[in-house]
Amino acid sequence: MTSVHRILAPVALSPQCAWSARYAAHVAARFGAELLFLHVSDHEASGELRAFLNRALDGVAYRQAVMRGDAATGIITFAQEQSCDLILMPTHAYGRFRRYLLGSVTAKVLHDADCPVWTGVHHQDAPLSDTAEIHSLVCAVDADAGCLPVIRWAQDLAAFLKATLKIVHAVPAADETSDNVGEIELRRYLFGQAENEFARLCHSEDLDVKVALAGGPVGRVVRETALRERADLVIIGRGHTQRALGRLRTQAYSIIRESPCPVLSI
């Protein structure tokens, strides 16, 4: 796991976002990391930001900055300039259709940021907890070489937080609800293929790990696993087209939308 020494927490100044500041402070405390708050505005708002943070936080050390311009671009640029190890965007859903959307700012940050991005829940009925207690992790992986650094990252984080870890791989074409003989045979074949591939990959890196398999849409499988494991955090990878872990994977959006807990995209 890459050491987390500096966390960037973009914030708005709305009353609903005060919990986001407290949540970020708790996460930073867990890592012993420096905490930076960033507000992107069309006017000078340093005083407003400080007043907002002083109301939301109690005795928490932090640095703050205000930038003008496009919010997503500002967040990405600031994170790079400040060598941030993690961007924490604990957004929450408001409105009937929010669960089907992923805000454009969050989506662009997820796509372009070089460092891991920690996003919050996107369900209207999700609890607004700001304590950042993390006892159970779920790591969702693809059956390719990209899973190896993600698994190691998740293992190191679980050890650091003294948390349990469940690793899961979804097989979308396998229908676990069907008792049709043909579907059962197809499911057995697909699961066998996945098991063999994970065994090969893990053996190549001398990695001792058990990957649970489940059939069905990726977002649903990860959500059900997170609920069953009472996960406090889901970990996913973002592909290989940029740097070591690269761009956002195709299924990441659905995982983030459906997850009952925050998602860490590395």
Protein backbone atom coordinates (compact mmCIF):
# COMPACT_ATOMS: atom_id res chain seq x y z
CA MET A 1 0.00 0.00 0.00
CA THR A 2 1.26 3.45 -0.91
CA SER A 3 1.75 5.45 2.29
CA VAL A 4 -0.94 8.06 2.84
CA HIS A 5 0.74 11.19 4.18
CA ARG A 6 -1.43 13.92 2.66
CA ILE A 7 -5.19 13.83 2.01
CA LEU A 8 -7.07 16.32 -0.14
CA ALA A 9 -10.73 16.86 0.75
CA PRO A 10 -12.64 19.08 -1.70
CA VAL A 11 -15.63 20.70 0.00
CA ALA A 12 -18.59 22.87 -0.82
CA LEU A 13 -19.84 25.33 1.76
CA SER A 14 -23.39 24.02 2.09
CA PRO A 15 -24.68 22.89 5.52
CA GLN A 16 -25.13 19.34 4.16
CA CYS A 17 -21.38 19.12 3.53
CA ALA A 18 -20.29 19.77 7.12
CA TRP A 19 -20.37 16.04 7.77
CA SER A 20 -17.97 15.58 4.82
CA ALA A 21 -15.38 17.74 6.55
CA ARG A 22 -15.74 15.76 9.79
CA TYR A 23 -15.54 12.47 7.90
CA ALA A 24 -12.36 13.61 6.14
CA ALA A 25 -10.86 14.61 9.48
CA HIS A 26 -11.57 11.14 10.91
CA VAL A 27 -10.01 9.41 7.88
CA ALA A 28 -6.92 11.63 8.09
CA ALA A 29 -6.61 10.81 11.77
CA ARG A 30 -6.73 7.07 11.01
CA PHE A 31 -3.79 7.44 8.63
CA GLY A 32 -1.96 10.09 10.64
CA ALA A 33 -2.03 12.19 7.48
CA GLU A 34 -1.97 15.90 6.82
CA LEU A 35 -5.41 17.19 5.81
CA LEU A 36 -5.95 19.75 3.05
CA PHE A 37 -9.35 21.25 2.30
CA LEU A 38 -9.99 22.75 -1.13
CA HIS A 39 -12.93 24.89 -2.21
CA VAL A 40 -13.33 25.83 -5.85
CA SER A 41 -15.30 29.06 -6.22
CA ASP A 42 -15.94 31.87 -8.68
CA HIS A 43 -14.91 34.45 -6.08
CA GLU A 44 -12.44 34.87 -3.21
CA ALA A 45 -13.85 32.70 -0.43
CA SER A 46 -10.94 32.01 1.94
CA GLY A 47 -12.74 33.62 4.87
CA GLU A 48 -15.95 31.74 4.11
CA LEU A 49 -14.09 28.44 3.89
CA ARG A 50 -12.29 28.97 7.21
CA ALA A 51 -15.53 29.96 8.94
CA PHE A 52 -17.25 26.88 7.50
CA LEU A 53 -14.47 24.53 8.61
CA ASN A 54 -14.25 26.07 12.07
CA ARG A 55 -17.97 25.44 12.55
CA ALA A 56 -17.73 21.86 11.24
CA LEU A 57 -14.53 20.82 13.01
CA ASP A 58 -13.36 20.97 16.60
CA GLY A 59 -9.64 21.32 17.20
CA VAL A 60 -8.60 19.59 13.97
CA ALA A 61 -5.37 20.68 12.27
CA TYR A 62 -5.73 21.38 8.58
CA ARG A 63 -4.61 23.54 5.67
CA GLN A 64 -7.03 25.19 3.28
CA ALA A 65 -7.01 26.63 -0.21
CA VAL A 66 -9.47 28.30 -2.55
CA MET A 67 -9.20 28.12 -6.33
CA ARG A 68 -11.20 29.58 -9.18
CA GLY A 69 -12.26 27.81 -12.36
CA ASP A 70 -13.53 24.36 -13.21
CA ALA A 71 -13.97 22.31 -10.04
CA ALA A 72 -12.71 18.96 -11.35
CA THR A 73 -9.69 20.48 -13.08
CA GLY A 74 -8.87 22.47 -9.96
CA ILE A 75 -9.04 19.41 -7.72
CA ILE A 76 -6.85 17.31 -10.01
CA THR A 77 -4.29 20.07 -10.52
CA PHE A 78 -4.12 20.93 -6.82
CA ALA A 79 -3.71 17.26 -5.87
CA GLN A 80 -0.77 16.95 -8.27
CA GLU A 81 0.87 20.20 -7.16
CA GLN A 82 0.58 19.28 -3.48
CA SER A 83 1.67 15.64 -4.01
CA CYS A 84 -1.49 14.34 -2.36
CA ASP A 85 -1.66 10.61 -1.70
CA LEU A 86 -5.46 10.44 -1.57
CA ILE A 87 -8.45 12.50 -2.69
CA LEU A 88 -11.43 12.06 -0.43
CA MET A 89 -14.81 13.02 -1.88
CA PRO A 90 -17.46 11.67 0.50
CA THR A 91 -20.47 12.73 -1.55
CA HIS A 92 -23.99 11.76 -0.59
CA ALA A 93 -27.19 11.30 -2.55
CA TYR A 94 -29.99 13.82 -2.41
CA GLY A 95 -33.04 13.54 -4.61
CA ARG A 96 -35.09 10.69 -6.01
CA PHE A 97 -32.88 9.88 -9.00
CA ARG A 98 -29.45 10.58 -7.47
CA ARG A 99 -28.52 6.91 -7.18
CA TYR A 100 -28.55 6.57 -10.97
CA LEU A 101 -26.13 9.46 -11.45
CA LEU A 102 -22.48 10.05 -10.73
CA GLY A 103 -21.70 13.74 -10.44
CA SER A 104 -19.62 15.11 -13.29
CA VAL A 105 -16.96 16.51 -10.95
CA THR A 106 -16.53 13.21 -9.12
CA ALA A 107 -16.52 11.27 -12.40
CA LYS A 108 -13.79 13.45 -13.91
CA VAL A 109 -11.66 13.26 -10.76
CA LEU A 110 -12.03 9.48 -10.74
CA HIS A 111 -11.02 9.31 -14.39
CA ASP A 112 -8.06 11.69 -14.35
CA ALA A 113 -6.55 11.70 -10.86
CA ASP A 114 -3.19 9.98 -10.45
CA CYS A 115 -3.71 9.12 -6.79
CA PRO A 116 -6.40 6.92 -5.18
CA VAL A 117 -9.86 8.47 -4.87
CA TRP A 118 -12.16 7.73 -1.93
CA THR A 119 -15.82 8.37 -2.78
CA GLY A 120 -18.80 8.27 -0.47
CA VAL A 121 -22.14 6.51 -0.76
CA HIS A 122 -24.62 7.51 -3.44
CA HIS A 123 -27.84 6.31 -1.82
CA GLN A 124 -30.44 8.56 -0.28
CA ASP A 125 -31.12 6.10 2.54
CA ALA A 126 -27.45 5.62 3.49
CA PRO A 127 -26.48 6.70 7.02
CA LEU A 128 -24.55 9.94 7.33
CA SER A 129 -21.84 8.53 9.58
CA ASP A 130 -18.77 10.71 9.99
CA THR A 131 -16.75 8.49 12.31
CA ALA A 132 -14.89 6.58 9.55
CA GLU A 133 -14.78 3.35 11.56
CA ILE A 134 -13.30 0.71 9.24
CA HIS A 135 -13.44 -2.89 10.42
CA SER A 136 -14.38 -4.76 7.24
CA LEU A 137 -13.06 -4.37 3.67
CA VAL A 138 -14.32 -5.84 0.40
CA CYS A 139 -11.98 -5.81 -2.60
CA ALA A 140 -13.57 -6.34 -6.03
CA VAL A 141 -11.20 -7.52 -8.77
CA ASP A 142 -11.11 -8.54 -12.41
CA ALA A 143 -9.57 -11.84 -13.49
CA ASP A 144 -6.47 -10.35 -15.10
CA ALA A 145 -2.98 -9.23 -14.09
CA GLY A 146 -4.38 -5.90 -12.90
CA CYS A 147 -5.90 -7.64 -9.89
CA LEU A 148 -2.52 -8.35 -8.31
CA PRO A 149 -1.48 -4.81 -7.26
CA VAL A 150 -5.08 -4.12 -6.18
CA ILE A 151 -5.12 -7.23 -3.96
CA ARG A 152 -1.76 -6.35 -2.42
CA TRP A 153 -2.95 -2.79 -1.80
CA ALA A 154 -6.09 -4.12 -0.12
CA GLN A 155 -4.13 -6.63 1.99
CA ASP A 156 -1.75 -3.94 3.21
CA LEU A 157 -4.61 -1.58 4.02
CA ALA A 158 -6.48 -4.30 5.91
CA ALA A 159 -3.34 -5.04 7.93
CA PHE A 160 -2.79 -1.33 8.63
CA LEU A 161 -6.39 -0.83 9.78
CA LYS A 162 -6.60 -4.23 11.50
CA ALA A 163 -9.66 -4.96 9.39
CA THR A 164 -11.04 -8.12 7.79
CA LEU A 165 -10.75 -8.49 4.02
CA LYS A 166 -13.02 -10.28 1.53
CA ILE A 167 -11.91 -10.46 -2.11
CA VAL A 168 -14.64 -11.03 -4.69
CA HIS A 169 -14.84 -11.46 -8.45
CA ALA A 170 -18.15 -11.14 -10.32
CA VAL A 171 -18.92 -13.37 -13.29
CA PRO A 172 -21.71 -11.49 -15.10
CA ALA A 173 -22.62 -14.32 -17.48
CA ALA A 174 -23.18 -16.82 -14.64
CA ASP A 175 -26.80 -16.84 -13.45
CA GLU A 176 -26.81 -18.17 -9.90
CA THR A 177 -30.60 -17.87 -9.63
CA SER A 178 -31.30 -20.37 -12.43
CA ASP A 179 -31.83 -24.10 -11.86
CA ASN A 180 -31.75 -24.80 -15.60
CA VAL A 181 -29.32 -27.64 -16.34
CA GLY A 182 -27.64 -25.73 -19.12
CA GLU A 183 -27.23 -22.63 -16.95
CA ILE A 184 -25.78 -24.75 -14.15
CA GLU A 185 -23.22 -26.28 -16.50
CA LEU A 186 -22.32 -22.88 -17.92
CA ARG A 187 -21.92 -21.49 -14.41
CA ARG A 188 -19.66 -24.37 -13.41
CA TYR A 189 -17.54 -23.83 -16.53
CA LEU A 190 -17.23 -20.06 -16.05
CA PHE A 191 -16.40 -20.40 -12.37
CA GLY A 192 -13.80 -23.05 -13.19
CA GLN A 193 -12.20 -20.78 -15.77
CA ALA A 194 -12.05 -17.92 -13.29
CA GLU A 195 -10.63 -20.12 -10.53
CA ASN A 196 -7.89 -21.38 -12.84
CA GLU A 197 -7.00 -17.87 -13.96
CA PHE A 198 -6.76 -16.54 -10.40
CA ALA A 199 -4.68 -19.56 -9.39
CA ARG A 200 -2.29 -18.89 -12.29
CA LEU A 201 -2.05 -15.16 -11.56
CA CYS A 202 -1.51 -15.57 -7.84
CA HIS A 203 1.05 -18.33 -8.34
CA SER A 204 3.02 -16.09 -10.72
CA GLU A 205 3.38 -13.48 -7.94
CA ASP A 206 3.61 -15.95 -5.03
CA LEU A 207 0.41 -14.49 -3.66
CA ASP A 208 -1.56 -16.61 -1.20
CA VAL A 209 -5.14 -15.40 -1.41
CA LYS A 210 -8.66 -16.77 -1.80
CA VAL A 211 -10.94 -15.03 -4.29
CA ALA A 212 -14.68 -15.60 -3.84
CA LEU A 213 -16.72 -15.95 -7.04
CA ALA A 214 -20.30 -14.83 -7.56
CA GLY A 215 -22.52 -14.73 -10.62
CA GLY A 216 -24.45 -11.68 -11.74
CA PRO A 217 -23.99 -8.01 -12.67
CA VAL A 218 -20.83 -6.55 -11.17
CA GLY A 219 -22.49 -3.70 -9.29
CA ARG A 220 -25.05 -6.01 -7.72
CA VAL A 221 -22.49 -8.66 -6.77
CA VAL A 222 -20.24 -6.13 -5.06
CA ARG A 223 -23.18 -4.50 -3.28
CA GLU A 224 -24.51 -7.84 -1.99
CA THR A 225 -21.03 -8.89 -0.87
CA ALA A 226 -20.52 -5.58 0.93
CA LEU A 227 -23.88 -5.93 2.70
CA ARG A 228 -23.21 -9.54 3.65
CA GLU A 229 -19.73 -8.72 4.98
CA ARG A 230 -20.97 -5.51 6.64
CA ALA A 231 -18.19 -3.75 4.79
CA ASP A 232 -17.10 -0.26 5.76
CA LEU A 233 -15.11 0.22 2.55
CA VAL A 234 -14.99 -1.31 -0.95
CA ILE A 235 -11.68 -1.26 -2.88
CA ILE A 236 -11.48 -1.39 -6.67
CA GLY A 237 -8.83 -0.85 -9.34
CA ARG A 238 -8.86 1.60 -12.25
CA GLY A 239 -7.16 -0.20 -15.15
CA HIS A 240 -3.84 0.22 -16.96
CA THR A 241 -3.99 2.81 -19.72
CA GLN A 242 -2.27 5.36 -17.51
CA ARG A 243 0.59 4.66 -15.11
CA ALA A 244 0.67 1.48 -13.02
CA LEU A 245 -3.02 1.28 -12.09
CA GLY A 246 -4.32 3.68 -14.70
CA ARG A 247 -7.74 4.81 -15.79
CA LEU A 248 -11.15 3.96 -14.44
CA ARG A 249 -12.44 0.53 -15.29
CA THR A 250 -15.75 0.18 -17.12
CA GLN A 251 -17.63 -1.24 -14.13
CA ALA A 252 -16.31 1.20 -11.55
CA TYR A 253 -19.19 3.64 -11.98
CA SER A 254 -21.82 0.98 -11.31
CA ILE A 255 -19.90 -0.25 -8.25
CA ILE A 256 -19.69 3.27 -6.83
CA ARG A 257 -23.37 3.98 -7.55
CA GLU A 258 -24.58 0.75 -5.97
CA SER A 259 -22.19 0.38 -3.06
CA PRO A 260 -23.75 0.67 0.42
CA CYS A 261 -20.44 2.02 1.77
CA PRO A 262 -17.61 4.27 0.53
CA VAL A 263 -15.47 3.07 -2.37
CA LEU A 264 -11.69 3.51 -2.65
CA SER A 265 -10.57 3.49 -6.31
CA ILE A 266 -6.84 2.92 -6.63
